[in-house]
Amino acid sequence: MVFPSLSLHKGRLARLILFAAIPFAWALAPAPDAHAQTAVDAANPHNRILLVLPFDNDTNQPNLEWIREAAPELLTSRFLSAGLSPLSRADRLYALDHLGFPESFHPSRATSIKLAQTLDADSIIVGSYTISGSTLTAEASIVNVPRLHMTQAVSASGDLHSLISVFDTLAWELTREIDPGFNVSEETFVAAGSGLRVEAFEQYIRGISEPDHTERLRHLQAAVQLSPGFAPAWMALAREDYAAQDYDHAAAAYAKVTAGSPASSPDALEANFYRGLSLLFTGRYADAEAAFTAVSRVLPLAAVLNNEAVAISRQNHDATALYRQAIAADPGAPDYHFNLAVSLKSNGDAGGAKAELAQYLKLRPNDSEALDLQAAWNNPAPAGSAPAASAASSTAAGAAAPAATAAPDPLERITRAFDAAAFRQAAMMMDQMESARLAALAPAQRAKALDMRARDYLSRGLLLEAERLFRDAAAADPHLADAHEGLAEVRERSGDEAGARAEAQAALDIQPAPETYLVLARLDLADSRFDSAIANVNRALALSPGNADAKNLLQRIADKQNHAK
């Protein structure tokens, strides 16, 4: 699920001033309509906007202060994967800035309420962490902002070196509090963070928290070296490189983000947009075109279409149609009219070019470059002649006027700003449209569509998202064997052997398939049950004689058998 844009508006700022004068007390939990409100919240848990605040450091150990910021990063990531609507760290910092507080400010609980109301959040998560010996304990509560009611705290504990799994477990507990019908397993939540080293995550948190650019770079580079597949660290590093105009490194870092994220995710959209810009600035126009195209396929916003067109124009190809689309999407943006004018002129439509340039000057009448261009187009210099001003100055100097041609047309203008709010709003609308489209399908069709999306997540190693969608698919059509086979793969990867075997058997009961037998074969191999593993591979080959995965698995079984002897 894509969470909505939460940029502050003037009305919210005015309301903020009012909130600042109101003393909030946590003990105030009005009784009237409490059950009704609970019923409404329970009915629409995925529509409730969540704000996760930094946790209180109750360890008395300053070296563990970084966990304050680690807690909301981990919880927010898992909530988003679970289909909830959490706010980002950027949203929280934006609200703090408008409240007049620094980024490092530790909000009181009254100020926390103000933050939540500023961002229109329905619930906030507050928590703390302690340590005893090497055991870390984290606990958190959910605050219903409209009712000023706090739930009982839930907690999770584990070794400090298992910090990520501790917070993953806490996220699972909180998700079930928010959505009592949530049925993704705890093992999947924990597996979602199993590939990330704690040391890498600490470096990432320090990298996004340090005030100094050089220090941020040092920590973020360490993070991606320790965990090369950690996309958030690559995203943060890419932003640092881009801000420093190190476009080659920025493009490479953004590529790491897009490789590990679904094309429609907010991070992938932002990464491809800025990767496209980085590639434009380094002259790699074909690659820039591909990056912008990846975004426009999902969200054909004006800024994206314009930059895609610029990348095409820089390859000396006609991008007129895309410039027209950008104008249709945002008619009031002057630069799109300017770019269309330049494109039309370069492609032989002088009349159309003059008309578009005139339209640009109506929107931006004092642009000297455009005024000079209009004059040049309306009064073109004869071929081989010099501009009048140049000829006069040359004559006055006692020298012959050099031959010259008309000045070349200017380059098309690039849209450099990524409007995250606009992207999130558009992505949210598309997400809602897709949900409506799926809801209108017959159950069997909806199940197949969900299964397809789940497999894309599974192929990227995003187990939590995959399990959630596979379960939705199985609920829509209990007779879809593919959904149970997908769940079996998720359970296998999350280390739940019993769950994997149960889902695989459920799939086989509906329809035997080679992929399902291979799940069982891999589980058998992990248990060194060689005969059973071979039997399951042979069942897969009977259904799909040329199956390369089955043949490779047979070789792995033989290798392990030989090693065991």
Protein backbone atom coordinates (compact mmCIF):
# COMPACT_ATOMS: atom_id res chain seq x y z
CA MET A 1 0.00 0.00 0.00
CA VAL A 2 1.23 3.48 -0.82
CA PHE A 3 0.73 5.88 2.03
CA PRO A 4 -0.86 9.26 1.31
CA SER A 5 0.84 12.60 0.99
CA LEU A 6 0.93 14.55 4.19
CA SER A 7 2.33 17.93 3.24
CA LEU A 8 1.26 20.70 5.59
CA HIS A 9 -1.34 23.18 4.40
CA LYS A 10 -2.06 26.65 5.75
CA GLY A 11 -5.17 25.36 7.47
CA ARG A 12 -3.16 22.79 9.34
CA LEU A 13 -0.60 25.37 10.38
CA ALA A 14 -3.35 27.60 11.73
CA ARG A 15 -4.80 24.65 13.58
CA LEU A 16 -1.33 23.88 14.92
CA ILE A 17 -1.17 27.27 16.66
CA LEU A 18 -4.45 26.46 18.36
CA PHE A 19 -3.21 23.01 19.43
CA ALA A 20 -0.07 24.50 20.93
CA ALA A 21 -2.17 26.38 23.46
CA ILE A 22 -4.11 23.33 24.62
CA PRO A 23 -2.72 21.24 27.52
CA PHE A 24 -3.12 17.57 26.60
CA ALA A 25 -3.31 14.91 29.31
CA TRP A 26 -2.82 11.23 28.63
CA ALA A 27 -5.28 10.36 31.35
CA LEU A 28 -8.11 11.94 29.38
CA ALA A 29 -9.82 9.08 27.63
CA PRO A 30 -13.47 10.03 27.10
CA ALA A 31 -15.84 7.17 27.66
CA PRO A 32 -18.73 8.18 25.34
CA ASP A 33 -18.86 6.24 22.07
CA ALA A 34 -15.65 4.37 22.87
CA HIS A 35 -17.05 1.07 21.62
CA ALA A 36 -18.43 2.68 18.48
CA GLN A 37 -15.07 4.28 17.71
CA THR A 38 -13.30 0.99 18.30
CA ALA A 39 -15.66 -0.72 15.89
CA VAL A 40 -14.99 1.90 13.22
CA ASP A 41 -11.22 1.61 13.68
CA ALA A 42 -11.37 -2.18 13.59
CA ALA A 43 -13.44 -2.09 10.40
CA ASN A 44 -10.89 0.08 8.56
CA PRO A 45 -7.49 -0.56 10.18
CA HIS A 46 -5.59 -0.10 6.92
CA ASN A 47 -6.99 3.40 6.42
CA ARG A 48 -5.68 4.71 9.73
CA ILE A 49 -2.60 6.92 9.42
CA LEU A 50 0.15 5.88 11.86
CA LEU A 51 2.97 7.98 13.25
CA VAL A 52 5.81 6.07 14.92
CA LEU A 53 7.87 8.26 17.24
CA PRO A 54 11.48 7.71 18.36
CA PHE A 55 11.62 5.43 21.38
CA ASP A 56 12.81 6.55 24.80
CA ASN A 57 16.29 5.33 25.70
CA ASP A 58 15.90 3.88 29.19
CA THR A 59 19.23 2.02 29.10
CA ASN A 60 21.36 4.84 30.58
CA GLN A 61 23.88 4.00 27.86
CA PRO A 62 24.58 6.89 25.45
CA ASN A 63 26.15 4.51 22.91
CA LEU A 64 22.68 2.96 22.43
CA GLU A 65 21.03 6.31 21.70
CA TRP A 66 20.98 5.42 17.99
CA ILE A 67 18.24 2.84 18.73
CA ARG A 68 15.85 5.75 19.42
CA GLU A 69 15.74 6.42 15.67
CA ALA A 70 16.17 2.77 14.70
CA ALA A 71 12.84 1.84 16.31
CA PRO A 72 10.59 4.01 14.09
CA GLU A 73 12.60 3.09 10.99
CA LEU A 74 12.06 -0.63 11.56
CA LEU A 75 8.45 -0.40 12.68
CA THR A 76 7.47 1.96 9.86
CA SER A 77 9.05 -0.36 7.29
CA ARG A 78 7.19 -3.41 8.61
CA PHE A 79 3.88 -1.55 8.92
CA LEU A 80 4.17 -0.45 5.30
CA SER A 81 4.93 -4.01 4.18
CA ALA A 82 1.93 -5.24 6.17
CA GLY A 83 -0.37 -2.96 4.18
CA LEU A 84 -0.84 -0.31 6.87
CA SER A 85 -0.40 3.45 6.35
CA PRO A 86 2.59 4.71 8.34
CA LEU A 87 4.13 8.14 7.97
CA SER A 88 7.75 8.45 6.95
CA ARG A 89 10.62 9.95 8.89
CA ALA A 90 10.60 12.83 6.40
CA ASP A 91 6.98 13.59 7.29
CA ARG A 92 7.83 13.62 11.00
CA LEU A 93 10.82 15.91 10.52
CA TYR A 94 8.73 18.20 8.32
CA ALA A 95 6.18 18.56 11.08
CA LEU A 96 8.87 19.19 13.70
CA ASP A 97 10.31 21.92 11.50
CA HIS A 98 6.94 23.63 11.21
CA LEU A 99 6.49 23.38 14.95
CA GLY A 100 9.80 25.19 15.31
CA PHE A 101 11.66 22.23 16.84
CA PRO A 102 15.05 20.88 15.73
CA GLU A 103 15.43 17.43 14.23
CA SER A 104 17.05 16.13 17.44
CA PHE A 105 14.16 17.36 19.61
CA HIS A 106 12.76 14.77 22.02
CA PRO A 107 9.01 15.51 22.04
CA SER A 108 6.99 15.25 25.21
CA ARG A 109 3.83 13.26 25.00
CA ALA A 110 1.79 16.44 24.70
CA THR A 111 3.99 17.55 21.80
CA SER A 112 3.63 14.08 20.29
CA ILE A 113 -0.10 14.64 20.09
CA LYS A 114 0.52 17.97 18.38
CA LEU A 115 2.77 16.23 15.86
CA ALA A 116 0.14 13.62 15.15
CA GLN A 117 -2.61 16.19 14.70
CA THR A 118 -0.38 18.33 12.50
CA LEU A 119 0.07 15.33 10.22
CA ASP A 120 -3.57 14.20 10.49
CA ALA A 121 -2.42 10.91 12.02
CA ASP A 122 -5.09 8.71 13.57
CA SER A 123 -2.72 6.81 15.83
CA ILE A 124 0.79 7.22 17.18
CA ILE A 125 3.17 4.57 18.43
CA VAL A 126 5.19 5.48 21.50
CA GLY A 127 7.71 3.20 23.16
CA SER A 128 10.94 2.68 25.01
CA TYR A 129 13.78 0.21 25.28
CA THR A 130 15.87 -1.13 28.14
CA ILE A 131 18.77 -3.51 28.44
CA SER A 132 19.65 -6.07 31.10
CA GLY A 133 22.97 -7.77 30.55
CA SER A 134 22.88 -8.49 26.83
CA THR A 135 19.07 -8.72 26.64
CA LEU A 136 17.26 -5.89 24.90
CA THR A 137 13.58 -5.31 25.71
CA ALA A 138 11.43 -2.98 23.64
CA GLU A 139 7.85 -2.09 24.45
CA ALA A 140 5.31 0.11 22.73
CA SER A 141 1.74 1.35 23.01
CA ILE A 142 -0.73 2.69 20.47
CA VAL A 143 -2.37 6.03 21.13
CA ASN A 144 -5.72 6.76 19.51
CA VAL A 145 -5.28 10.46 18.75
CA PRO A 146 -8.96 11.52 18.44
CA ARG A 147 -9.88 9.78 21.71
CA LEU A 148 -6.56 10.36 23.54
CA HIS A 149 -6.62 6.72 24.59
CA MET A 150 -3.54 4.54 25.00
CA THR A 151 -3.55 0.76 24.68
CA GLN A 152 -1.75 -1.63 27.00
CA ALA A 153 1.92 -1.93 26.09
CA VAL A 154 3.20 -4.91 24.10
CA SER A 155 6.83 -5.96 24.32
CA ALA A 156 9.50 -8.10 22.72
CA SER A 157 12.90 -9.19 24.03
CA GLY A 158 16.05 -10.74 22.67
CA ASP A 159 19.80 -10.54 22.53
CA LEU A 160 21.13 -7.09 21.65
CA HIS A 161 22.77 -8.58 18.56
CA SER A 162 19.26 -9.68 17.48
CA LEU A 163 17.95 -6.13 17.72
CA ILE A 164 16.27 -6.25 14.30
CA SER A 165 14.32 -9.42 15.08
CA VAL A 166 13.27 -7.92 18.43
CA PHE A 167 11.69 -4.94 16.68
CA ASP A 168 10.27 -7.17 13.94
CA THR A 169 8.48 -9.19 16.61
CA LEU A 170 7.28 -5.97 18.23
CA ALA A 171 6.00 -4.78 14.83
CA TRP A 172 4.06 -8.04 14.45
CA GLU A 173 2.47 -7.64 17.88
CA LEU A 174 1.51 -4.03 17.14
CA THR A 175 0.11 -4.92 13.72
CA ARG A 176 -2.18 -7.48 15.30
CA GLU A 177 -3.31 -4.83 17.80
CA ILE A 178 -4.09 -2.46 14.94
CA ASP A 179 -5.71 -5.13 12.76
CA PRO A 180 -7.02 -8.09 14.80
CA GLY A 181 -7.76 -9.97 11.56
CA PHE A 182 -4.15 -9.80 10.36
CA ASN A 183 -2.94 -13.35 9.72
CA VAL A 184 0.65 -13.09 8.46
CA SER A 185 2.91 -15.11 10.72
CA GLU A 186 5.49 -13.81 13.16
CA GLU A 187 8.15 -15.87 11.39
CA THR A 188 7.59 -13.86 8.22
CA PHE A 189 8.03 -10.56 10.05
CA VAL A 190 11.29 -11.79 11.54
CA ALA A 191 12.44 -13.22 8.19
CA ALA A 192 11.84 -9.83 6.56
CA GLY A 193 14.88 -8.46 8.40
CA SER A 194 16.99 -11.59 8.55
CA GLY A 195 19.31 -10.56 5.73
CA LEU A 196 20.26 -7.26 7.35
CA ARG A 197 23.22 -7.11 9.71
CA VAL A 198 22.74 -5.11 12.89
CA GLU A 199 26.07 -3.37 12.30
CA ALA A 200 24.90 -2.25 8.86
CA PHE A 201 21.62 -0.99 10.24
CA GLU A 202 23.40 0.98 12.95
CA GLN A 203 25.62 2.59 10.31
CA TYR A 204 22.52 3.45 8.27
CA ILE A 205 20.78 5.08 11.24
CA ARG A 206 23.89 7.08 12.06
CA GLY A 207 24.16 7.99 8.39
CA ILE A 208 20.69 9.51 8.22
CA SER A 209 21.03 11.21 11.60
CA GLU A 210 24.47 12.88 11.40
CA PRO A 211 24.43 16.64 10.76
CA ASP A 212 27.73 16.58 8.82
CA HIS A 213 27.69 15.53 5.15
CA THR A 214 31.11 13.83 5.28
CA GLU A 215 30.09 11.80 8.32
CA ARG A 216 26.80 10.84 6.71
CA LEU A 217 28.65 9.57 3.66
CA ARG A 218 31.11 7.60 5.79
CA HIS A 219 28.37 5.82 7.72
CA LEU A 220 26.19 5.13 4.68
CA GLN A 221 29.10 3.74 2.67
CA ALA A 222 29.88 1.44 5.59
CA ALA A 223 26.23 0.35 5.71
CA VAL A 224 26.08 -0.74 2.05
CA GLN A 225 29.43 -2.50 2.35
CA LEU A 226 28.18 -4.51 5.32
CA SER A 227 24.75 -5.27 3.79
CA PRO A 228 24.92 -4.74 0.01
CA GLY A 229 21.24 -5.57 -0.46
CA PHE A 230 19.91 -2.98 1.99
CA ALA A 231 17.94 -0.64 -0.29
CA PRO A 232 17.19 2.14 2.26
CA ALA A 233 20.92 2.67 2.81
CA TRP A 234 21.50 2.86 -0.94
CA MET A 235 18.67 5.39 -1.20
CA ALA A 236 20.13 7.56 1.53
CA LEU A 237 23.60 7.31 -0.02
CA ALA A 238 22.22 8.20 -3.45
CA ARG A 239 20.56 11.31 -2.04
CA GLU A 240 23.84 12.40 -0.49
CA ASP A 241 25.74 11.85 -3.75
CA TYR A 242 23.09 13.67 -5.76
CA ALA A 243 23.06 16.65 -3.38
CA ALA A 244 26.86 16.83 -3.74
CA GLN A 245 26.47 16.74 -7.56
CA ASP A 246 28.37 13.46 -7.71
CA TYR A 247 26.06 12.23 -10.42
CA ASP A 248 27.96 9.10 -11.50
CA HIS A 249 27.88 7.67 -7.98
CA ALA A 250 24.32 8.86 -7.46
CA ALA A 251 23.11 7.05 -10.58
CA ALA A 252 24.84 3.84 -9.48
CA ALA A 253 23.35 4.04 -5.98
CA TYR A 254 19.84 4.78 -7.25
CA ALA A 255 20.16 1.75 -9.55
CA LYS A 256 20.68 -0.44 -6.47
CA VAL A 257 17.36 0.85 -5.09
CA THR A 258 15.39 0.19 -8.26
CA ALA A 259 16.86 -3.30 -8.62
CA GLY A 260 15.44 -4.38 -5.27
CA SER A 261 12.08 -2.60 -5.27
CA PRO A 262 8.83 -3.14 -7.18
CA ALA A 263 8.49 -0.58 -9.98
CA SER A 264 5.39 0.96 -8.41
CA SER A 265 6.86 1.49 -4.93
CA PRO A 266 7.47 5.09 -3.81
CA ASP A 267 11.20 4.44 -3.38
CA ALA A 268 11.54 2.98 -6.88
CA LEU A 269 9.67 5.92 -8.40
CA GLU A 270 11.85 8.47 -6.63
CA ALA A 271 15.03 6.52 -7.33
CA ASN A 272 14.31 6.21 -11.06
CA PHE A 273 13.42 9.91 -11.29
CA TYR A 274 16.68 11.04 -9.72
CA ARG A 275 18.65 8.34 -11.50
CA GLY A 276 17.28 9.75 -14.75
CA LEU A 277 18.40 13.23 -13.75
CA SER A 278 21.85 11.98 -12.78
CA LEU A 279 22.20 10.24 -16.12
CA LEU A 280 21.02 13.34 -17.98
CA PHE A 281 23.63 15.44 -16.25
CA THR A 282 26.37 12.98 -17.24
CA GLY A 283 25.25 12.74 -20.86
CA ARG A 284 23.96 9.16 -20.75
CA TYR A 285 20.73 10.04 -22.50
CA ALA A 286 19.51 6.58 -23.54
CA ASP A 287 19.86 5.31 -19.98
CA ALA A 288 18.16 8.44 -18.68
CA GLU A 289 15.25 7.85 -21.05
CA ALA A 290 14.87 4.29 -19.72
CA ALA A 291 14.85 5.53 -16.12
CA PHE A 292 12.16 8.14 -16.76
CA THR A 293 10.14 5.65 -18.83
CA ALA A 294 10.10 3.27 -15.86
CA VAL A 295 8.44 6.01 -13.81
CA SER A 296 6.04 7.26 -16.50
CA ARG A 297 4.68 3.75 -17.02
CA VAL A 298 3.45 3.83 -13.44
CA LEU A 299 2.81 7.55 -12.94
CA PRO A 300 2.74 9.66 -16.13
CA LEU A 301 3.13 12.95 -14.29
CA ALA A 302 4.11 16.09 -16.18
CA ALA A 303 7.63 16.39 -14.72
CA VAL A 304 8.43 12.79 -15.63
CA LEU A 305 7.07 13.09 -19.17
CA ASN A 306 9.01 16.31 -19.71
CA ASN A 307 12.31 14.80 -18.60
CA GLU A 308 11.71 11.64 -20.60
CA ALA A 309 11.15 13.88 -23.62
CA VAL A 310 14.34 15.84 -22.90
CA ALA A 311 16.33 12.60 -22.80
CA ILE A 312 14.86 11.63 -26.17
CA SER A 313 15.55 15.09 -27.65
CA ARG A 314 19.17 14.94 -26.55
CA GLN A 315 19.49 11.82 -28.70
CA ASN A 316 18.28 13.88 -31.69
CA HIS A 317 14.93 12.09 -31.77
CA ASP A 318 11.49 13.68 -31.98
CA ALA A 319 9.89 13.97 -28.53
CA THR A 320 7.11 16.38 -29.54
CA ALA A 321 4.31 14.00 -28.54
CA LEU A 322 5.71 13.63 -25.01
CA TYR A 323 6.05 17.38 -24.58
CA ARG A 324 2.40 17.72 -25.58
CA GLN A 325 1.48 15.11 -22.97
CA ALA A 326 3.42 17.04 -20.31
CA ILE A 327 1.49 20.20 -21.19
CA ALA A 328 -1.80 18.33 -21.08
CA ALA A 329 -0.91 17.09 -17.59
CA ASP A 330 0.15 20.57 -16.38
CA PRO A 331 -0.88 23.37 -18.81
CA GLY A 332 0.26 26.12 -16.45
CA ALA A 333 3.93 25.07 -16.31
CA PRO A 334 5.83 27.53 -18.57
CA ASP A 335 8.88 25.37 -19.29
CA TYR A 336 6.83 22.66 -20.95
CA HIS A 337 5.59 25.19 -23.53
CA PHE A 338 9.18 26.38 -24.02
CA ASN A 339 10.38 22.82 -24.60
CA LEU A 340 7.58 22.07 -27.03
CA ALA A 341 8.48 25.22 -28.96
CA VAL A 342 12.13 24.15 -29.25
CA SER A 343 11.09 20.63 -30.26
CA LEU A 344 8.68 21.85 -32.93
CA LYS A 345 11.31 24.19 -34.36
CA SER A 346 13.95 21.48 -34.53
CA ASN A 347 11.47 19.19 -36.28
CA GLY A 348 10.50 21.72 -38.96
CA ASP A 349 7.28 23.21 -37.59
CA ALA A 350 8.28 26.87 -37.38
CA GLY A 351 4.71 28.16 -37.08
CA GLY A 352 3.86 25.82 -34.24
CA ALA A 353 7.13 26.68 -32.52
CA LYS A 354 6.39 30.42 -32.60
CA ALA A 355 2.89 29.84 -31.22
CA GLU A 356 4.19 27.78 -28.31
CA LEU A 357 6.94 30.29 -27.58
CA ALA A 358 4.32 33.04 -27.49
CA GLN A 359 2.30 30.95 -25.05
CA TYR A 360 5.41 30.56 -22.88
CA LEU A 361 5.96 34.32 -22.83
CA LYS A 362 2.39 34.89 -21.72
CA LEU A 363 3.22 32.80 -18.65
CA ARG A 364 6.72 34.20 -18.17
CA PRO A 365 6.96 37.52 -20.04
CA ASN A 366 10.33 38.69 -18.71
CA ASP A 367 12.47 35.73 -19.75
CA SER A 368 15.33 37.33 -21.70
CA GLU A 369 16.38 34.07 -23.34
CA ALA A 370 12.88 33.47 -24.66
CA LEU A 371 12.54 37.10 -25.83
CA ASP A 372 15.81 36.85 -27.73
CA LEU A 373 14.71 33.55 -29.19
CA GLN A 374 11.38 35.02 -30.30
CA ALA A 375 13.18 37.91 -31.99
CA ALA A 376 15.56 35.52 -33.75
CA TRP A 377 12.72 33.31 -34.96
CA ASN A 378 10.64 36.25 -36.16
CA ASN A 379 13.60 37.93 -37.91
CA PRO A 380 15.98 35.16 -38.94
CA ALA A 381 19.42 36.33 -40.09
CA PRO A 382 20.31 35.55 -43.71
CA ALA A 383 22.50 32.53 -44.13
CA GLY A 384 26.17 33.41 -43.77
CA SER A 385 25.55 36.86 -42.31
CA ALA A 386 26.40 38.17 -38.86
CA PRO A 387 23.87 39.65 -36.44
CA ALA A 388 23.51 43.42 -36.94
CA ALA A 389 24.93 44.35 -33.55
CA SER A 390 27.98 42.21 -34.10
CA ALA A 391 28.59 43.67 -37.57
CA ALA A 392 28.33 47.23 -36.30
CA SER A 393 30.75 46.67 -33.47
CA SER A 394 33.20 44.98 -35.80
CA THR A 395 33.07 47.87 -38.26
CA ALA A 396 33.60 50.38 -35.48
CA ALA A 397 36.71 48.49 -34.49
CA GLY A 398 38.07 48.85 -38.01
CA ALA A 399 37.89 45.12 -38.75
CA ALA A 400 35.94 43.21 -41.30
CA ALA A 401 32.73 41.64 -39.98
CA PRO A 402 33.19 37.86 -39.72
CA ALA A 403 30.72 35.56 -41.41
CA ALA A 404 28.28 33.96 -38.96
CA THR A 405 25.16 31.89 -38.92
CA ALA A 406 22.13 32.27 -36.70
CA ALA A 407 22.66 31.19 -33.09
CA PRO A 408 21.59 27.59 -32.41
CA ASP A 409 18.28 27.01 -30.65
CA PRO A 410 18.58 26.53 -26.86
CA LEU A 411 18.43 23.18 -25.15
CA GLU A 412 15.15 21.97 -23.69
CA ARG A 413 14.71 22.63 -20.00
CA ILE A 414 14.90 19.88 -17.38
CA THR A 415 12.52 19.60 -14.44
CA ARG A 416 14.87 19.00 -11.53
CA ALA A 417 12.53 18.84 -8.54
CA PHE A 418 10.92 15.59 -7.44
CA ASP A 419 7.55 16.54 -5.95
CA ALA A 420 7.21 13.73 -3.45
CA ALA A 421 3.78 14.96 -2.39
CA ALA A 422 2.46 14.88 -5.95
CA PHE A 423 3.95 11.44 -6.54
CA ARG A 424 2.45 10.05 -3.36
CA GLN A 425 -0.95 11.55 -4.08
CA ALA A 426 -0.94 10.13 -7.59
CA ALA A 427 0.36 6.78 -6.38
CA MET A 428 -2.34 6.66 -3.71
CA MET A 429 -5.03 7.37 -6.29
CA MET A 430 -3.68 4.67 -8.58
CA ASP A 431 -3.52 2.27 -5.64
CA GLN A 432 -7.15 3.04 -4.83
CA MET A 433 -8.11 2.57 -8.48
CA GLU A 434 -6.29 -0.76 -8.58
CA SER A 435 -8.02 -1.87 -5.37
CA ALA A 436 -11.38 -0.90 -6.86
CA ARG A 437 -10.54 -2.77 -10.06
CA LEU A 438 -9.61 -5.90 -8.13
CA ALA A 439 -12.74 -5.65 -5.99
CA ALA A 440 -14.88 -5.58 -9.13
CA LEU A 441 -13.36 -8.80 -10.48
CA ALA A 442 -14.89 -12.20 -9.96
CA PRO A 443 -13.25 -13.99 -7.00
CA ALA A 444 -11.25 -16.38 -9.17
CA GLN A 445 -9.90 -13.54 -11.34
CA ARG A 446 -9.10 -11.42 -8.30
CA ALA A 447 -7.22 -14.32 -6.74
CA LYS A 448 -5.09 -14.79 -9.87
CA ALA A 449 -4.27 -11.08 -10.02
CA LEU A 450 -3.25 -11.05 -6.36
CA ASP A 451 -1.19 -14.19 -6.85
CA MET A 452 0.70 -12.53 -9.71
CA ARG A 453 1.51 -9.47 -7.62
CA ALA A 454 2.58 -11.68 -4.72
CA ARG A 455 5.01 -13.56 -6.95
CA ASP A 456 6.66 -10.31 -7.99
CA TYR A 457 7.26 -9.53 -4.30
CA LEU A 458 8.48 -13.07 -3.67
CA SER A 459 10.97 -12.85 -6.56
CA ARG A 460 12.47 -9.77 -4.86
CA GLY A 461 12.69 -11.48 -1.46
CA LEU A 462 9.92 -9.33 0.05
CA LEU A 463 8.37 -12.11 2.09
CA LEU A 464 6.00 -10.07 4.23
CA GLU A 465 4.33 -8.41 1.26
CA ALA A 466 4.23 -11.70 -0.62
CA GLU A 467 2.59 -13.64 2.21
CA ARG A 468 -0.03 -10.95 2.72
CA LEU A 469 -1.07 -11.04 -0.94
CA PHE A 470 -0.90 -14.84 -1.22
CA ARG A 471 -3.25 -15.06 1.77
CA ASP A 472 -5.60 -12.55 0.14
CA ALA A 473 -5.54 -14.65 -3.03
CA ALA A 474 -6.29 -17.85 -1.12
CA ALA A 475 -9.15 -16.11 0.69
CA ALA A 476 -10.60 -14.89 -2.62
CA ASP A 477 -10.38 -18.36 -4.19
CA PRO A 478 -9.70 -21.27 -1.79
CA HIS A 479 -9.31 -23.56 -4.82
CA LEU A 480 -6.33 -21.67 -6.27
CA ALA A 481 -3.45 -24.09 -5.81
CA ASP A 482 -0.88 -21.47 -6.84
CA ALA A 483 -1.69 -19.32 -3.80
CA HIS A 484 -1.00 -22.20 -1.41
CA GLU A 485 2.17 -23.11 -3.29
CA GLY A 486 3.30 -19.49 -2.95
CA LEU A 487 2.56 -19.59 0.77
CA ALA A 488 4.58 -22.78 1.00
CA GLU A 489 7.57 -21.00 -0.55
CA VAL A 490 7.18 -18.08 1.87
CA ARG A 491 6.98 -20.45 4.83
CA GLU A 492 10.02 -22.33 3.53
CA ARG A 493 12.08 -19.14 3.27
CA SER A 494 11.00 -17.93 6.69
CA GLY A 495 12.14 -21.17 8.32
CA ASP A 496 8.70 -22.58 9.16
CA GLU A 497 9.08 -26.16 7.90
CA ALA A 498 5.76 -27.39 9.31
CA GLY A 499 3.89 -24.46 7.81
CA ALA A 500 5.59 -24.94 4.46
CA ARG A 501 4.69 -28.63 4.32
CA ALA A 502 1.08 -27.87 5.28
CA GLU A 503 0.68 -25.27 2.55
CA ALA A 504 2.40 -27.50 -0.01
CA GLN A 505 0.06 -30.36 0.84
CA ALA A 506 -2.93 -28.00 0.54
CA ALA A 507 -1.72 -27.04 -2.93
CA LEU A 508 -1.24 -30.67 -3.98
CA ASP A 509 -4.71 -31.56 -2.73
CA ILE A 510 -6.10 -29.01 -5.18
CA GLN A 511 -3.77 -29.59 -8.14
CA PRO A 512 -0.32 -31.25 -8.33
CA ALA A 513 2.37 -28.96 -9.76
CA PRO A 514 6.14 -29.33 -10.18
CA GLU A 515 6.88 -26.19 -8.12
CA THR A 516 5.02 -27.65 -5.15
CA TYR A 517 6.91 -30.94 -5.28
CA LEU A 518 10.17 -28.99 -5.45
CA VAL A 519 9.26 -27.14 -2.24
CA LEU A 520 8.82 -30.50 -0.53
CA ALA A 521 12.04 -31.78 -2.07
CA ARG A 522 14.03 -28.82 -0.74
CA LEU A 523 12.54 -29.30 2.71
CA ASP A 524 13.48 -33.00 2.57
CA LEU A 525 17.00 -32.12 1.47
CA ALA A 526 17.38 -29.69 4.37
CA ASP A 527 16.44 -32.60 6.69
CA SER A 528 18.84 -34.98 4.86
CA ARG A 529 15.87 -37.15 3.85
CA PHE A 530 17.47 -38.02 0.54
CA ASP A 531 15.11 -40.73 -0.66
CA SER A 532 12.05 -38.58 -0.07
CA ALA A 533 13.74 -35.60 -1.73
CA ILE A 534 14.58 -37.64 -4.83
CA ALA A 535 11.04 -39.00 -4.98
CA ASN A 536 9.57 -35.49 -4.90
CA VAL A 537 11.97 -34.25 -7.59
CA ASN A 538 10.99 -37.20 -9.78
CA ARG A 539 7.32 -36.30 -9.30
CA ALA A 540 8.14 -32.77 -10.45
CA LEU A 541 10.00 -34.12 -13.50
CA ALA A 542 7.09 -36.39 -14.35
CA LEU A 543 4.93 -33.27 -14.67
CA SER A 544 7.65 -31.14 -16.29
CA PRO A 545 10.39 -33.33 -17.86
CA GLY A 546 12.61 -30.41 -18.89
CA ASN A 547 12.40 -28.56 -15.58
CA ALA A 548 15.87 -27.05 -15.02
CA ASP A 549 15.23 -26.33 -11.33
CA ALA A 550 14.38 -29.97 -10.74
CA LYS A 551 17.52 -31.18 -12.49
CA ASN A 552 19.67 -28.76 -10.52
CA LEU A 553 18.06 -29.92 -7.30
CA LEU A 554 18.83 -33.54 -8.16
CA GLN A 555 22.49 -32.58 -8.49
CA ARG A 556 22.40 -30.79 -5.13
CA ILE A 557 20.90 -33.90 -3.53
CA ALA A 558 23.62 -36.09 -5.03
CA ASP A 559 26.33 -33.70 -3.86
CA LYS A 560 24.98 -33.66 -0.31
CA GLN A 561 24.63 -37.45 -0.30
CA ASN A 562 28.25 -37.84 -1.34
CA HIS A 563 29.37 -35.34 1.27
CA ALA A 564 27.41 -37.18 3.97
CA LYS A 565 29.15 -40.49 3.23
